């Protein structure tokens, strides 16, 4: 039995590590965005997008920030693959893959800044990431809604609410971009809701290892 206990301990340690990746990812990301914004003369939180920090003065900081966030979020997805309740339905598996797709999209946004090829690759990977994170929340909600209500029920409901709110906010972002009505602020509203979901998911995964 000691051997079995050692295996379980190592599994829990790995899950906690991946969970911490998810907790740290949004905190580090927004900390960097705030610092970079303060260092950028004339940068507007209301009209400039976060990606605008990836070009010009100290652009390397934001591009690294995208890459680090993507890597940490992939770590969270690995934790979800092993930490979400089994058996995993196709819907739940799809949700995890959408988290990975989201993470890769954000990572590539740092590899392809807005100045590369007229921002075409950047816009494609960013749009893919936006759609993927909405899908991830809704698919994970669908996959968890019939699971253990005491452990995952509230989180499943939260994922549904966050996913629907993210969907509404991304539509409002599109409207803001079309009409020039505080597009930077609209983008931040969408990003904050989605990024908070990443952090909350990390916390939920971490607390699940304490059971």
Protein backbone atom coordinates (compact mmCIF):
# COMPACT_ATOMS: atom_id res chain seq x y z
CA UNK A 1 0.00 0.00 0.00
CA UNK A 2 2.79 2.54 0.56
CA UNK A 3 3.58 2.23 -3.16
CA UNK A 4 -0.05 3.06 -4.03
CA UNK A 5 0.00 6.03 -1.66
CA UNK A 6 3.19 7.32 -3.29
CA UNK A 7 1.58 7.12 -6.72
CA UNK A 8 -1.51 8.99 -5.53
CA UNK A 9 0.65 11.65 -3.87
CA UNK A 10 2.66 12.19 -7.04
CA UNK A 11 -0.54 12.45 -9.08
CA UNK A 12 -1.94 15.03 -6.66
CA UNK A 13 1.31 17.00 -6.77
CA UNK A 14 1.21 17.08 -10.57
CA UNK A 15 -2.42 18.20 -10.57
CA UNK A 16 -1.62 20.96 -8.09
CA UNK A 17 1.24 22.13 -10.30
CA UNK A 18 -1.03 22.30 -13.35
CA UNK A 19 -3.71 24.01 -11.28
CA UNK A 20 -1.22 26.64 -10.14
CA UNK A 21 -0.38 27.25 -13.81
CA UNK A 22 -4.03 28.18 -14.36
CA UNK A 23 -4.15 30.37 -11.25
CA UNK A 24 -0.95 32.24 -12.09
CA UNK A 25 -1.66 32.70 -15.82
CA UNK A 26 -4.32 35.48 -15.68
CA UNK A 27 -2.68 37.23 -12.71
CA UNK A 28 0.69 37.41 -14.45
CA UNK A 29 -0.94 38.42 -17.75
CA UNK A 30 -2.86 41.38 -16.35
CA UNK A 31 0.01 42.47 -14.13
CA UNK A 32 2.18 42.71 -17.23
CA UNK A 33 -0.52 44.54 -19.20
CA UNK A 34 -0.89 47.16 -16.45
CA UNK A 35 2.87 47.71 -16.21
CA UNK A 36 3.27 47.91 -19.98
CA UNK A 37 0.35 50.36 -20.25
CA UNK A 38 1.99 52.67 -17.73
CA UNK A 39 5.24 52.54 -19.68
CA UNK A 40 3.56 53.38 -22.99
CA UNK A 41 3.02 57.14 -23.51
CA UNK A 42 -0.36 57.92 -25.06
CA UNK A 43 -1.70 54.41 -24.66
CA UNK A 44 -5.47 54.42 -24.02
CA UNK A 45 -7.28 51.78 -22.00
CA UNK A 46 -10.49 52.90 -23.71
CA UNK A 47 -9.44 52.79 -27.36
CA UNK A 48 -6.29 50.67 -27.66
CA UNK A 49 -6.39 46.88 -27.73
CA UNK A 50 -4.14 44.78 -25.55
CA UNK A 51 -2.41 43.55 -28.71
CA UNK A 52 -1.35 47.13 -29.46
CA UNK A 53 1.19 46.70 -26.68
CA UNK A 54 2.83 44.03 -28.85
CA UNK A 55 4.15 46.61 -31.32
CA UNK A 56 6.39 49.60 -30.85
CA UNK A 57 8.02 50.64 -27.59
CA UNK A 58 8.85 47.64 -25.34
CA UNK A 59 6.69 45.38 -27.52
CA UNK A 60 8.81 42.38 -26.57
CA UNK A 61 7.23 42.42 -23.10
CA UNK A 62 3.69 41.89 -24.33
CA UNK A 63 4.67 39.34 -26.92
CA UNK A 64 6.46 37.33 -24.23
CA UNK A 65 3.39 37.82 -22.04
CA UNK A 66 1.18 36.20 -24.71
CA UNK A 67 3.56 33.26 -25.02
CA UNK A 68 3.89 32.72 -21.26
CA UNK A 69 0.12 32.90 -20.78
CA UNK A 70 -0.39 30.36 -23.55
CA UNK A 71 2.13 27.93 -22.07
CA UNK A 72 0.64 28.22 -18.57
CA UNK A 73 -2.87 27.67 -19.93
CA UNK A 74 -1.75 24.56 -21.78
CA UNK A 75 -0.52 23.36 -18.40
CA UNK A 76 -3.98 23.98 -16.96
CA UNK A 77 -5.53 21.98 -19.83
CA UNK A 78 -3.25 19.04 -19.03
CA UNK A 79 -4.44 19.26 -15.44
CA UNK A 80 -8.06 19.27 -16.56
CA UNK A 81 -7.44 16.20 -18.69
CA UNK A 82 -6.35 14.34 -15.59
CA UNK A 83 -8.35 16.11 -12.91
CA UNK A 84 -11.90 16.39 -14.24
CA UNK A 85 -14.25 13.59 -13.15
CA UNK A 86 -14.36 10.37 -15.16
CA UNK A 87 -15.68 8.89 -17.32
CA UNK A 88 -15.16 11.89 -19.60
CA UNK A 89 -17.82 12.37 -22.24
CA UNK A 90 -17.01 13.59 -25.73
CA UNK A 91 -18.38 16.96 -24.72
CA UNK A 92 -16.03 17.23 -21.76
CA UNK A 93 -13.06 16.14 -23.85
CA UNK A 94 -14.00 18.73 -26.47
CA UNK A 95 -14.05 21.41 -23.77
CA UNK A 96 -10.50 20.52 -22.76
CA UNK A 97 -9.34 20.62 -26.39
CA UNK A 98 -10.93 24.05 -26.77
CA UNK A 99 -8.88 25.24 -23.77
CA UNK A 100 -5.77 23.99 -25.56
CA UNK A 101 -6.84 25.68 -28.82
CA UNK A 102 -7.43 28.92 -26.91
CA UNK A 103 -3.99 28.69 -25.29
CA UNK A 104 -2.28 28.07 -28.62
CA UNK A 105 -4.15 31.00 -30.17
CA UNK A 106 -2.98 33.39 -27.44
CA UNK A 107 0.56 32.01 -27.65
CA UNK A 108 0.65 32.58 -31.42
CA UNK A 109 -0.67 36.12 -30.94
CA UNK A 110 2.72 36.79 -29.36
CA UNK A 111 4.59 35.04 -32.15
CA UNK A 112 2.71 37.00 -34.83
CA UNK A 113 2.28 40.61 -33.63
CA UNK A 114 0.06 43.11 -35.42
CA UNK A 115 2.95 44.33 -37.58
CA UNK A 116 3.47 40.90 -39.18
CA UNK A 117 1.84 40.50 -42.63
CA UNK A 118 -0.60 43.35 -42.08
CA UNK A 119 -1.85 41.71 -38.86
CA UNK A 120 -3.62 38.93 -40.79
CA UNK A 121 -2.08 36.00 -38.83
CA UNK A 122 -2.52 37.90 -35.56
CA UNK A 123 -6.18 38.56 -36.22
CA UNK A 124 -6.82 34.95 -37.23
CA UNK A 125 -5.23 33.41 -34.13
CA UNK A 126 -6.85 36.02 -31.86
CA UNK A 127 -10.32 35.38 -33.30
CA UNK A 128 -9.74 31.64 -32.98
CA UNK A 129 -8.75 32.07 -29.34
CA UNK A 130 -11.84 34.18 -28.61
CA UNK A 131 -14.20 31.59 -30.09
CA UNK A 132 -12.33 28.72 -28.44
CA UNK A 133 -12.53 30.12 -24.90
CA UNK A 134 -16.28 30.66 -25.23
CA UNK A 135 -16.71 27.13 -26.56
CA UNK A 136 -14.49 25.72 -23.80
CA UNK A 137 -16.65 27.19 -21.07
CA UNK A 138 -19.91 25.99 -22.60
CA UNK A 139 -18.65 22.51 -23.47
CA UNK A 140 -17.17 21.99 -20.01
CA UNK A 141 -20.47 23.13 -18.48
CA UNK A 142 -22.35 20.67 -20.67
CA UNK A 143 -19.92 17.88 -19.82
CA UNK A 144 -20.08 18.49 -16.07
CA UNK A 145 -23.73 19.33 -15.51
CA UNK A 146 -24.69 15.73 -14.78
CA UNK A 147 -21.62 14.97 -12.66
CA UNK A 148 -21.27 15.03 -8.87
CA UNK A 149 -23.26 18.11 -7.88
CA UNK A 150 -21.47 18.56 -4.56
CA UNK A 151 -18.00 18.82 -6.14
CA UNK A 152 -18.51 20.16 -9.66
CA UNK A 153 -22.11 21.40 -9.76
CA UNK A 154 -21.48 25.02 -8.83
CA UNK A 155 -18.44 25.19 -11.06
CA UNK A 156 -20.50 23.83 -13.97
CA UNK A 157 -23.12 26.54 -13.40
CA UNK A 158 -20.40 29.17 -13.17
CA UNK A 159 -18.92 27.96 -16.48
CA UNK A 160 -22.33 28.33 -18.13
CA UNK A 161 -22.81 31.87 -16.82
CA UNK A 162 -19.25 32.88 -17.70
CA UNK A 163 -19.55 31.34 -21.17
CA UNK A 164 -22.81 33.13 -21.95
CA UNK A 165 -21.46 36.41 -20.60
CA UNK A 166 -18.32 35.96 -22.71
CA UNK A 167 -20.50 35.39 -25.78
CA UNK A 168 -22.48 38.58 -25.13
CA UNK A 169 -19.32 40.59 -24.52
CA UNK A 170 -17.60 39.39 -27.69
CA UNK A 171 -20.69 40.48 -29.68
CA UNK A 172 -20.55 43.88 -27.98
CA UNK A 173 -16.83 44.03 -28.80
CA UNK A 174 -17.63 43.53 -32.47
CA UNK A 175 -20.19 46.33 -32.31
CA UNK A 176 -17.69 48.59 -30.52
CA UNK A 177 -15.09 47.88 -33.22
CA UNK A 178 -17.55 48.72 -35.99
CA UNK A 179 -18.65 52.00 -34.45
CA UNK A 180 -15.47 53.01 -32.60
CA UNK A 181 -17.26 53.10 -29.26
CA UNK A 182 -14.54 52.38 -26.68
CA UNK A 183 -13.22 49.25 -28.44
CA UNK A 184 -10.30 48.88 -26.01
CA UNK A 185 -12.60 48.94 -23.02
CA UNK A 186 -14.99 46.48 -24.67
CA UNK A 187 -12.14 44.09 -25.39
CA UNK A 188 -10.95 44.27 -21.81
CA UNK A 189 -14.44 43.43 -20.52
CA UNK A 190 -14.46 40.27 -22.62
CA UNK A 191 -10.89 39.32 -21.75
CA UNK A 192 -11.35 39.85 -18.03
CA UNK A 193 -14.40 37.57 -17.85
CA UNK A 194 -12.65 34.83 -19.85
CA UNK A 195 -9.32 35.20 -18.06
CA UNK A 196 -11.07 35.05 -14.67
CA UNK A 197 -12.62 31.75 -15.77
CA UNK A 198 -9.12 30.41 -16.39
CA UNK A 199 -8.07 31.45 -12.87
CA UNK A 200 -11.21 30.08 -11.23
CA UNK A 201 -10.75 26.81 -13.11
CA UNK A 202 -7.22 26.60 -11.73
CA UNK A 203 -8.51 27.21 -8.21
CA UNK A 204 -11.25 24.58 -8.64
CA UNK A 205 -8.75 22.05 -9.94
CA UNK A 206 -6.41 22.79 -7.03
CA UNK A 207 -9.14 22.41 -4.40
CA UNK A 208 -10.29 19.15 -5.99
CA UNK A 209 -6.91 17.63 -5.07
CA UNK A 210 -7.62 18.32 -1.42
CA UNK A 211 -10.62 15.99 -1.30
